[in-house]
Structure formats: structure tokens, C-alpha cells
Amino acid sequence: MKPSTLQKRLSRCTKAELIELLQTLSLQNPAVENFLAMKFDPNRPEPDFEQYKRVVSEEFFPDRGYGDSCPAVAYRMLQRVEAEANSPSQVLDFLFFCIETGIQYTNDYGDINEEFYIAFEDLFERAAKLVIASGLSSQYREQSQAIVDSTSDIGWGFHDELSSIFEKYFTA
């Protein structure tokens, strides 16, 4: 449903209907429950995304055997972080963790495939856009440059694309 359609439909609801809707959503979806708790409970501690980082780490570097290296796992965990985060910095820290994990996997195990690199290029561009939109360029410029530098020996045009993204967002 488009945001404008949703807004129209929600504006027709009574306060009681909206409350009931939010309660139902919260009960059925832990991410919604966490999101609402973050918004309405000022005493709630800062969220800790270590559990989501562990899921991503296990996908790429399990305790035994080789990782499956599926970027979709990073995307699923990112959705949860975005829903629960209190600040853009929390989302950015998680994004950079995912990107660095994917690059480390490639550097450890060799070239993967084009789809793999496209997924991490997308994550890097999402991070760069959020950095700029949040006015945090000075905080993330060095880390972003280090990410680009760490890909210099990776194929499939990955380094070139990350360099292009870096130039577009961080050197303007």
C-alpha cells in the first residue's frame, strides 16, 4: 500500500481504532513492539544490536565449516535494526559492520559472484546516502575510505563501483 493511501485510511480511523491497530501490530510483530517501545519509553536502554551482528557473522563465518554468504541475511537483520534504532548512527554502524563482513569474506575466500557484490554495493550506497542525509560525513568518511581501499584486489568491478559511490557522496 502506498504511503498516501495508508495515510488517508488511517486518518479515517478513530483514536480507539488506531490504538487497537497498534496493539495488534505490536503483538504480532516483535520489531513493531521494539519500535514502539523505543518511541514511547524514555527509560528503555539503548538497543543492543549484537544479536543481529552475530546472525550476520554466523552466516559468513560459522564456527564450523564455510559460511553460506547470503547477503539476504544481512538485509533481514538490517530491517530489524532500522525498525529498532534510536538514531541514524546505530543504523550506520550496523550497515558498515555488514559491509565489512562481506568484504572480509571475499578477502578470505576469494571472488564470489556478481550478485554478491551488487548486494554489498547497494548496502554501501545506502550507508553513504544515510551518512549525507544525517550530516555525519565527517564521522564516517575515514571508515568509508578504508572500506573502498580494502576492496582494491576484488574483481567484478566491485572496487570501481565502491570508489564511484565514495566519490559521489564523500567528495562533493
N, C-alpha and C. Protein backbone atom coordinates (compact mmCIF):
# COMPACT_ATOMS: atom_id res chain seq x y z
N MET A 1 0.85 -1.17 0.00
CA MET A 1 0.00 0.00 0.00
C MET A 1 0.90 1.24 0.00
N LYS A 2 0.54 2.19 -0.81
CA LYS A 2 1.29 3.43 -0.89
C LYS A 2 1.12 4.25 0.39
N PRO A 3 2.15 5.00 0.78
CA PRO A 3 2.04 5.82 1.99
C PRO A 3 0.86 6.79 1.96
N SER A 4 0.57 7.36 0.80
CA SER A 4 -0.55 8.31 0.73
C SER A 4 -1.89 7.61 0.96
N THR A 5 -2.02 6.39 0.44
CA THR A 5 -3.26 5.61 0.65
C THR A 5 -3.39 5.23 2.12
N LEU A 6 -2.28 4.80 2.70
CA LEU A 6 -2.27 4.44 4.12
C LEU A 6 -2.66 5.64 4.97
N GLN A 7 -2.09 6.79 4.66
CA GLN A 7 -2.39 8.00 5.43
C GLN A 7 -3.87 8.33 5.35
N LYS A 8 -4.47 8.23 4.19
CA LYS A 8 -5.90 8.52 4.03
C LYS A 8 -6.75 7.56 4.87
N ARG A 9 -6.39 6.28 4.80
CA ARG A 9 -7.17 5.29 5.55
C ARG A 9 -7.02 5.45 7.05
N LEU A 10 -5.79 5.73 7.50
CA LEU A 10 -5.58 5.92 8.93
C LEU A 10 -6.25 7.19 9.45
N SER A 11 -6.32 8.20 8.62
CA SER A 11 -6.95 9.45 9.06
C SER A 11 -8.45 9.28 9.29
N ARG A 12 -9.03 8.25 8.71
CA ARG A 12 -10.47 7.97 8.91
C ARG A 12 -10.75 7.16 10.18
N CYS A 13 -9.69 6.64 10.78
CA CYS A 13 -9.86 5.81 11.98
C CYS A 13 -10.05 6.69 13.22
N THR A 14 -10.79 6.12 14.16
CA THR A 14 -10.93 6.80 15.44
C THR A 14 -9.67 6.54 16.27
N LYS A 15 -9.53 7.29 17.35
CA LYS A 15 -8.38 7.10 18.22
C LYS A 15 -8.37 5.67 18.77
N ALA A 16 -9.53 5.15 19.16
CA ALA A 16 -9.62 3.79 19.70
C ALA A 16 -9.21 2.76 18.65
N GLU A 17 -9.60 2.98 17.41
CA GLU A 17 -9.23 2.05 16.34
C GLU A 17 -7.72 2.07 16.09
N LEU A 18 -7.13 3.25 16.14
CA LEU A 18 -5.68 3.35 15.96
C LEU A 18 -4.92 2.65 17.09
N ILE A 19 -5.41 2.84 18.31
CA ILE A 19 -4.78 2.19 19.45
C ILE A 19 -4.86 0.68 19.31
N GLU A 20 -6.03 0.18 18.95
CA GLU A 20 -6.22 -1.26 18.76
C GLU A 20 -5.31 -1.79 17.64
N LEU A 21 -5.21 -1.04 16.57
CA LEU A 21 -4.35 -1.44 15.46
C LEU A 21 -2.89 -1.54 15.90
N LEU A 22 -2.41 -0.55 16.63
CA LEU A 22 -1.03 -0.57 17.10
C LEU A 22 -0.78 -1.71 18.09
N GLN A 23 -1.75 -1.98 18.94
CA GLN A 23 -1.61 -3.09 19.88
C GLN A 23 -1.54 -4.42 19.14
N THR A 24 -2.39 -4.59 18.16
CA THR A 24 -2.39 -5.83 17.37
C THR A 24 -1.06 -5.99 16.63
N LEU A 25 -0.61 -4.93 15.99
CA LEU A 25 0.68 -4.97 15.29
C LEU A 25 1.81 -5.32 16.25
N SER A 26 1.80 -4.72 17.40
CA SER A 26 2.84 -4.95 18.39
C SER A 26 2.86 -6.40 18.86
N LEU A 27 1.70 -6.98 19.05
CA LEU A 27 1.62 -8.38 19.49
C LEU A 27 2.07 -9.35 18.40
N GLN A 28 1.83 -9.00 17.16
CA GLN A 28 2.13 -9.91 16.05
C GLN A 28 3.54 -9.74 15.49
N ASN A 29 4.20 -8.64 15.81
CA ASN A 29 5.48 -8.37 15.20
C ASN A 29 6.45 -7.79 16.24
N PRO A 30 7.45 -8.58 16.64
CA PRO A 30 8.41 -8.10 17.64
C PRO A 30 9.14 -6.82 17.23
N ALA A 31 9.39 -6.64 15.95
CA ALA A 31 10.08 -5.42 15.51
C ALA A 31 9.21 -4.20 15.76
N VAL A 32 7.91 -4.33 15.53
CA VAL A 32 6.98 -3.23 15.80
C VAL A 32 6.93 -2.96 17.30
N GLU A 33 6.90 -4.03 18.08
CA GLU A 33 6.89 -3.88 19.54
C GLU A 33 8.13 -3.12 20.01
N ASN A 34 9.29 -3.49 19.48
CA ASN A 34 10.54 -2.80 19.85
C ASN A 34 10.52 -1.35 19.39
N PHE A 35 10.04 -1.12 18.18
CA PHE A 35 9.97 0.23 17.63
C PHE A 35 9.10 1.12 18.52
N LEU A 36 7.91 0.63 18.90
CA LEU A 36 7.01 1.41 19.74
C LEU A 36 7.60 1.63 21.13
N ALA A 37 8.27 0.62 21.65
CA ALA A 37 8.90 0.77 22.96
C ALA A 37 9.98 1.84 22.91
N MET A 38 10.74 1.87 21.82
CA MET A 38 11.78 2.88 21.68
C MET A 38 11.19 4.29 21.60
N LYS A 39 10.06 4.41 20.94
CA LYS A 39 9.45 5.73 20.75
C LYS A 39 8.75 6.25 22.01
N PHE A 40 8.19 5.34 22.82
CA PHE A 40 7.34 5.78 23.92
C PHE A 40 7.88 5.50 25.31
N ASP A 41 9.00 4.81 25.44
CA ASP A 41 9.55 4.52 26.76
C ASP A 41 10.92 5.20 26.89
N PRO A 42 10.95 6.41 27.46
CA PRO A 42 12.22 7.14 27.55
C PRO A 42 13.24 6.47 28.47
N ASN A 43 12.79 5.57 29.34
CA ASN A 43 13.70 4.90 30.26
C ASN A 43 14.28 3.61 29.69
N ARG A 44 13.81 3.23 28.53
CA ARG A 44 14.31 2.00 27.91
C ARG A 44 15.77 2.22 27.52
N PRO A 45 16.62 1.24 27.82
CA PRO A 45 18.04 1.41 27.47
C PRO A 45 18.25 1.39 25.95
N GLU A 46 19.40 1.92 25.55
CA GLU A 46 19.76 1.91 24.13
C GLU A 46 19.70 0.48 23.60
N PRO A 47 19.20 0.30 22.41
CA PRO A 47 19.15 -1.06 21.87
C PRO A 47 20.55 -1.59 21.60
N ASP A 48 20.68 -2.89 21.77
CA ASP A 48 21.96 -3.56 21.54
C ASP A 48 21.76 -4.48 20.34
N PHE A 49 22.48 -4.22 19.29
CA PHE A 49 22.30 -4.98 18.06
C PHE A 49 23.31 -6.09 17.90
N GLU A 50 23.96 -6.47 18.98
CA GLU A 50 24.95 -7.54 18.92
C GLU A 50 24.34 -8.86 18.46
N GLN A 51 23.10 -9.11 18.86
CA GLN A 51 22.47 -10.37 18.43
C GLN A 51 22.30 -10.40 16.92
N TYR A 52 21.99 -9.28 16.31
CA TYR A 52 21.84 -9.21 14.85
C TYR A 52 23.21 -9.32 14.17
N LYS A 53 24.22 -8.73 14.79
CA LYS A 53 25.57 -8.86 14.25
C LYS A 53 26.03 -10.32 14.30
N ARG A 54 25.67 -11.02 15.38
CA ARG A 54 26.03 -12.44 15.48
C ARG A 54 25.39 -13.25 14.37
N VAL A 55 24.14 -12.94 14.04
CA VAL A 55 23.45 -13.66 12.96
C VAL A 55 24.19 -13.45 11.64
N VAL A 56 24.57 -12.21 11.37
CA VAL A 56 25.31 -11.91 10.14
C VAL A 56 26.67 -12.61 10.16
N SER A 57 27.37 -12.52 11.27
CA SER A 57 28.68 -13.17 11.37
C SER A 57 28.58 -14.67 11.15
N GLU A 58 27.58 -15.29 11.74
CA GLU A 58 27.39 -16.74 11.58
C GLU A 58 27.09 -17.11 10.13
N GLU A 59 26.41 -16.24 9.42
CA GLU A 59 26.09 -16.50 8.01
C GLU A 59 27.37 -16.58 7.18
N PHE A 60 28.33 -15.73 7.49
CA PHE A 60 29.56 -15.67 6.71
C PHE A 60 30.70 -16.46 7.32
N PHE A 61 30.77 -16.48 8.63
CA PHE A 61 31.87 -17.13 9.33
C PHE A 61 31.33 -18.01 10.47
N PRO A 62 30.71 -19.14 10.13
CA PRO A 62 30.19 -20.01 11.19
C PRO A 62 31.34 -20.65 11.98
N ASP A 63 31.00 -21.16 13.15
CA ASP A 63 32.02 -21.79 13.99
C ASP A 63 32.62 -23.01 13.30
N ARG A 64 31.80 -23.70 12.49
CA ARG A 64 32.26 -24.90 11.79
C ARG A 64 31.90 -24.79 10.32
N GLY A 65 32.82 -25.18 9.47
CA GLY A 65 32.56 -25.20 8.04
C GLY A 65 32.65 -23.82 7.40
N TYR A 66 32.13 -23.74 6.20
CA TYR A 66 32.13 -22.49 5.44
C TYR A 66 30.77 -21.82 5.55
N GLY A 67 30.78 -20.51 5.51
CA GLY A 67 29.54 -19.76 5.57
C GLY A 67 28.77 -19.85 4.26
N ASP A 68 27.48 -19.58 4.35
CA ASP A 68 26.64 -19.60 3.15
C ASP A 68 26.76 -18.30 2.37
N SER A 69 27.24 -17.26 3.00
CA SER A 69 27.48 -15.95 2.38
C SER A 69 26.28 -15.40 1.64
N CYS A 70 25.13 -15.45 2.28
CA CYS A 70 23.90 -14.94 1.67
C CYS A 70 23.64 -13.51 2.15
N PRO A 71 23.79 -12.53 1.26
CA PRO A 71 23.56 -11.14 1.68
C PRO A 71 22.14 -10.88 2.18
N ALA A 72 21.19 -11.72 1.79
CA ALA A 72 19.80 -11.53 2.23
C ALA A 72 19.70 -11.57 3.75
N VAL A 73 20.56 -12.34 4.40
CA VAL A 73 20.56 -12.40 5.86
C VAL A 73 20.92 -11.02 6.43
N ALA A 74 21.90 -10.37 5.84
CA ALA A 74 22.28 -9.03 6.29
C ALA A 74 21.13 -8.05 6.07
N TYR A 75 20.43 -8.17 4.97
CA TYR A 75 19.29 -7.30 4.70
C TYR A 75 18.17 -7.51 5.71
N ARG A 76 17.90 -8.77 6.05
CA ARG A 76 16.84 -9.04 7.05
C ARG A 76 17.19 -8.44 8.41
N MET A 77 18.43 -8.60 8.82
CA MET A 77 18.86 -8.04 10.10
C MET A 77 18.85 -6.52 10.04
N LEU A 78 19.22 -5.96 8.90
CA LEU A 78 19.20 -4.50 8.73
C LEU A 78 17.78 -3.96 8.90
N GLN A 79 16.80 -4.66 8.38
CA GLN A 79 15.40 -4.22 8.55
C GLN A 79 15.05 -4.14 10.02
N ARG A 80 15.49 -5.10 10.79
CA ARG A 80 15.20 -5.08 12.24
C ARG A 80 15.91 -3.92 12.91
N VAL A 81 17.16 -3.70 12.55
CA VAL A 81 17.91 -2.59 13.14
C VAL A 81 17.24 -1.27 12.80
N GLU A 82 16.85 -1.09 11.54
CA GLU A 82 16.19 0.15 11.14
C GLU A 82 14.90 0.38 11.92
N ALA A 83 14.18 -0.70 12.22
CA ALA A 83 12.93 -0.57 12.97
C ALA A 83 13.15 -0.24 14.44
N GLU A 84 14.27 -0.68 14.98
CA GLU A 84 14.50 -0.54 16.42
C GLU A 84 15.47 0.57 16.80
N ALA A 85 16.20 1.09 15.84
CA ALA A 85 17.25 2.07 16.15
C ALA A 85 16.68 3.39 16.64
N ASN A 86 17.44 4.02 17.51
CA ASN A 86 17.08 5.34 18.03
C ASN A 86 17.73 6.46 17.23
N SER A 87 18.75 6.12 16.45
CA SER A 87 19.49 7.15 15.74
C SER A 87 20.06 6.61 14.43
N PRO A 88 20.35 7.50 13.50
CA PRO A 88 20.99 7.07 12.25
C PRO A 88 22.35 6.42 12.50
N SER A 89 23.06 6.85 13.53
CA SER A 89 24.38 6.27 13.82
C SER A 89 24.29 4.79 14.13
N GLN A 90 23.24 4.38 14.80
CA GLN A 90 23.07 2.95 15.10
C GLN A 90 22.87 2.16 13.81
N VAL A 91 22.08 2.70 12.91
CA VAL A 91 21.85 2.03 11.62
C VAL A 91 23.15 2.01 10.83
N LEU A 92 23.85 3.12 10.80
CA LEU A 92 25.11 3.20 10.06
C LEU A 92 26.16 2.25 10.61
N ASP A 93 26.27 2.16 11.91
CA ASP A 93 27.24 1.23 12.49
C ASP A 93 26.93 -0.20 12.07
N PHE A 94 25.65 -0.55 12.04
CA PHE A 94 25.28 -1.90 11.61
C PHE A 94 25.55 -2.09 10.12
N LEU A 95 25.19 -1.10 9.31
CA LEU A 95 25.45 -1.18 7.87
C LEU A 95 26.93 -1.39 7.59
N PHE A 96 27.77 -0.59 8.22
CA PHE A 96 29.21 -0.72 8.00
C PHE A 96 29.72 -2.07 8.48
N PHE A 97 29.17 -2.58 9.57
CA PHE A 97 29.55 -3.92 10.03
C PHE A 97 29.24 -4.95 8.95
N CYS A 98 28.04 -4.88 8.37
CA CYS A 98 27.64 -5.84 7.33
C CYS A 98 28.56 -5.74 6.11
N ILE A 99 28.82 -4.52 5.68
CA ILE A 99 29.68 -4.31 4.51
C ILE A 99 31.08 -4.86 4.78
N GLU A 100 31.63 -4.54 5.92
CA GLU A 100 32.96 -5.01 6.26
C GLU A 100 33.01 -6.54 6.38
N THR A 101 31.93 -7.13 6.86
CA THR A 101 31.86 -8.60 6.95
C THR A 101 31.88 -9.22 5.56
N GLY A 102 31.10 -8.66 4.64
CA GLY A 102 31.08 -9.17 3.27
C GLY A 102 32.43 -9.03 2.59
N ILE A 103 33.10 -7.93 2.81
CA ILE A 103 34.43 -7.71 2.22
C ILE A 103 35.44 -8.68 2.83
N GLN A 104 35.36 -8.87 4.13
CA GLN A 104 36.27 -9.81 4.79
C GLN A 104 36.06 -11.22 4.25
N TYR A 105 34.81 -11.59 4.02
CA TYR A 105 34.50 -12.91 3.46
C TYR A 105 35.17 -13.08 2.09
N THR A 106 35.05 -12.07 1.26
CA THR A 106 35.66 -12.11 -0.06
C THR A 106 37.18 -12.17 0.04
N ASN A 107 37.75 -11.36 0.89
CA ASN A 107 39.21 -11.36 1.04
C ASN A 107 39.72 -12.69 1.60
N ASP A 108 38.92 -13.36 2.42
CA ASP A 108 39.32 -14.65 2.99
C ASP A 108 39.12 -15.81 2.02
N TYR A 109 38.04 -15.78 1.24
CA TYR A 109 37.68 -16.94 0.42
C TYR A 109 37.78 -16.73 -1.08
N GLY A 110 38.09 -15.53 -1.53
CA GLY A 110 38.24 -15.30 -2.96
C GLY A 110 36.96 -14.77 -3.59
N ASP A 111 37.03 -14.55 -4.89
CA ASP A 111 35.89 -13.98 -5.62
C ASP A 111 34.64 -14.82 -5.44
N ILE A 112 33.51 -14.14 -5.34
CA ILE A 112 32.23 -14.81 -5.14
C ILE A 112 31.48 -14.77 -6.48
N ASN A 113 30.49 -13.88 -6.59
CA ASN A 113 29.76 -13.73 -7.85
C ASN A 113 29.20 -12.32 -7.93
N GLU A 114 28.72 -11.97 -9.09
CA GLU A 114 28.27 -10.61 -9.33
C GLU A 114 27.14 -10.19 -8.40
N GLU A 115 26.17 -11.08 -8.18
CA GLU A 115 25.03 -10.75 -7.32
C GLU A 115 25.48 -10.41 -5.91
N PHE A 116 26.46 -11.15 -5.42
CA PHE A 116 27.02 -10.89 -4.09
C PHE A 116 27.56 -9.46 -4.02
N TYR A 117 28.36 -9.09 -5.01
CA TYR A 117 28.96 -7.76 -5.00
C TYR A 117 27.92 -6.66 -5.19
N ILE A 118 26.94 -6.90 -6.01
CA ILE A 118 25.88 -5.90 -6.20
C ILE A 118 25.15 -5.64 -4.89
N ALA A 119 24.91 -6.69 -4.11
CA ALA A 119 24.23 -6.52 -2.82
C ALA A 119 25.05 -5.64 -1.89
N PHE A 120 26.36 -5.84 -1.84
CA PHE A 120 27.18 -5.04 -0.95
C PHE A 120 27.43 -3.64 -1.49
N GLU A 121 27.41 -3.48 -2.80
CA GLU A 121 27.45 -2.14 -3.37
C GLU A 121 26.20 -1.36 -2.96
N ASP A 122 25.06 -2.05 -3.00
CA ASP A 122 23.80 -1.43 -2.58
C ASP A 122 23.85 -1.02 -1.10
N LEU A 123 24.37 -1.89 -0.26
CA LEU A 123 24.48 -1.56 1.16
C LEU A 123 25.40 -0.36 1.37
N PHE A 124 26.50 -0.31 0.62
CA PHE A 124 27.43 0.81 0.75
C PHE A 124 26.78 2.11 0.31
N GLU A 125 26.02 2.06 -0.78
CA GLU A 125 25.35 3.28 -1.23
C GLU A 125 24.26 3.70 -0.25
N ARG A 126 23.54 2.75 0.31
CA ARG A 126 22.55 3.09 1.33
C ARG A 126 23.21 3.77 2.52
N ALA A 127 24.34 3.24 2.92
CA ALA A 127 25.07 3.84 4.04
C ALA A 127 25.52 5.25 3.69
N ALA A 128 26.06 5.42 2.49
CA ALA A 128 26.54 6.74 2.07
C ALA A 128 25.39 7.75 2.03
N LYS A 129 24.25 7.35 1.52
CA LYS A 129 23.09 8.26 1.47
C LYS A 129 22.65 8.65 2.88
N LEU A 130 22.63 7.68 3.79
CA LEU A 130 22.22 7.96 5.16
C LEU A 130 23.25 8.85 5.86
N VAL A 131 24.51 8.64 5.60
CA VAL A 131 25.56 9.49 6.17
C VAL A 131 25.32 10.94 5.77
N ILE A 132 25.09 11.16 4.49
CA ILE A 132 24.90 12.53 3.99
C ILE A 132 23.60 13.12 4.52
N ALA A 133 22.51 12.34 4.47
CA ALA A 133 21.22 12.83 4.93
C ALA A 133 21.24 13.18 6.42
N SER A 134 22.08 12.49 7.18
CA SER A 134 22.16 12.71 8.63
C SER A 134 23.23 13.73 9.02
N GLY A 135 23.96 14.23 8.03
CA GLY A 135 25.01 15.20 8.32
C GLY A 135 26.18 14.61 9.08
N LEU A 136 26.49 13.33 8.83
CA LEU A 136 27.53 12.64 9.58
C LEU A 136 28.77 12.32 8.74
N SER A 137 28.96 13.07 7.68
CA SER A 137 30.06 12.80 6.75
C SER A 137 31.42 12.78 7.44
N SER A 138 31.66 13.71 8.32
CA SER A 138 32.97 13.77 8.98
C SER A 138 33.21 12.55 9.87
N GLN A 139 32.16 11.97 10.41
CA GLN A 139 32.30 10.81 11.29
C GLN A 139 32.55 9.52 10.51
N TYR A 140 32.05 9.43 9.28
CA TYR A 140 32.10 8.16 8.54
C TYR A 140 32.98 8.21 7.29
N ARG A 141 33.56 9.33 7.01
CA ARG A 141 34.40 9.46 5.81
C ARG A 141 35.60 8.51 5.85
N GLU A 142 36.32 8.51 6.94
CA GLU A 142 37.52 7.68 7.06
C GLU A 142 37.18 6.20 6.97
N GLN A 143 36.14 5.78 7.65
CA GLN A 143 35.73 4.37 7.61
C GLN A 143 35.30 3.99 6.20
N SER A 144 34.59 4.88 5.52
CA SER A 144 34.16 4.63 4.16
C SER A 144 35.35 4.49 3.22
N GLN A 145 36.33 5.37 3.39
CA GLN A 145 37.54 5.29 2.57
C GLN A 145 38.28 3.99 2.83
N ALA A 146 38.34 3.56 4.08
CA ALA A 146 39.01 2.30 4.41
C ALA A 146 38.30 1.12 3.76
N ILE A 147 36.99 1.17 3.70
CA ILE A 147 36.22 0.11 3.03
C ILE A 147 36.59 0.06 1.55
N VAL A 148 36.60 1.21 0.92
CA VAL A 148 36.96 1.26 -0.51
C VAL A 148 38.38 0.72 -0.70
N ASP A 149 39.30 1.17 0.12
CA ASP A 149 40.69 0.74 -0.01
C ASP A 149 40.84 -0.77 0.17
N SER A 150 40.03 -1.36 1.04
CA SER A 150 40.15 -2.79 1.32
C SER A 150 39.64 -3.66 0.17
N THR A 151 39.04 -3.04 -0.84
CA THR A 151 38.49 -3.81 -1.96
C THR A 151 39.36 -3.73 -3.21
N SER A 152 40.55 -3.16 -3.11
CA SER A 152 41.36 -2.90 -4.30
C SER A 152 41.70 -4.15 -5.10
N ASP A 153 41.75 -5.31 -4.48
CA ASP A 153 42.10 -6.53 -5.20
C ASP A 153 40.89 -7.41 -5.51
N ILE A 154 39.69 -6.90 -5.30
CA ILE A 154 38.48 -7.69 -5.54
C ILE A 154 37.98 -7.43 -6.96
N GLY A 155 37.56 -8.49 -7.61
CA GLY A 155 37.11 -8.41 -9.00
C GLY A 155 35.67 -7.97 -9.18
N TRP A 156 35.15 -8.24 -10.36
CA TRP A 156 33.77 -7.95 -10.75
C TRP A 156 33.45 -6.46 -10.74
N GLY A 157 34.46 -5.60 -10.78
CA GLY A 157 34.23 -4.16 -10.77
C GLY A 157 33.78 -3.63 -9.42
N PHE A 158 33.91 -4.46 -8.39
CA PHE A 158 33.45 -4.09 -7.05
C PHE A 158 34.18 -2.86 -6.53
N HIS A 159 35.49 -2.88 -6.61
CA HIS A 159 36.28 -1.75 -6.13
C HIS A 159 35.92 -0.47 -6.90
N ASP A 160 35.79 -0.60 -8.19
CA ASP A 160 35.45 0.57 -9.02
C ASP A 160 34.10 1.16 -8.62
N GLU A 161 33.13 0.29 -8.37
CA GLU A 161 31.79 0.78 -8.00
C GLU A 161 31.81 1.43 -6.62
N LEU A 162 32.49 0.83 -5.66
CA LEU A 162 32.57 1.44 -4.33
C LEU A 162 33.33 2.77 -4.40
N SER A 163 34.36 2.83 -5.23
CA SER A 163 35.09 4.09 -5.41
C SER A 163 34.18 5.16 -5.98
N SER A 164 33.38 4.77 -6.94
CA SER A 164 32.43 5.71 -7.56
C SER A 164 31.41 6.22 -6.54
N ILE A 165 30.91 5.32 -5.72
CA ILE A 165 29.94 5.71 -4.68
C ILE A 165 30.61 6.66 -3.69
N PHE A 166 31.83 6.33 -3.29
CA PHE A 166 32.56 7.19 -2.35
C PHE A 166 32.75 8.59 -2.95
N GLU A 167 33.17 8.65 -4.19
CA GLU A 167 33.38 9.95 -4.85
C GLU A 167 32.08 10.74 -4.91
N LYS A 168 31.00 10.07 -5.23
CA LYS A 168 29.70 10.73 -5.37
C LYS A 168 29.22 11.36 -4.07
N TYR A 169 29.40 10.67 -2.96
CA TYR A 169 28.83 11.12 -1.69
C TYR A 169 29.82 11.81 -0.75
N PHE A 170 31.09 11.47 -0.84
CA PHE A 170 32.02 11.98 0.16
C PHE A 170 32.99 13.04 -0.34
N THR A 171 33.02 13.30 -1.63
CA THR A 171 33.97 14.31 -2.11
C THR A 171 33.26 15.50 -2.75
N ALA A 172 31.98 15.60 -2.55
CA ALA A 172 31.22 16.72 -3.14
C ALA A 172 31.51 18.02 -2.43
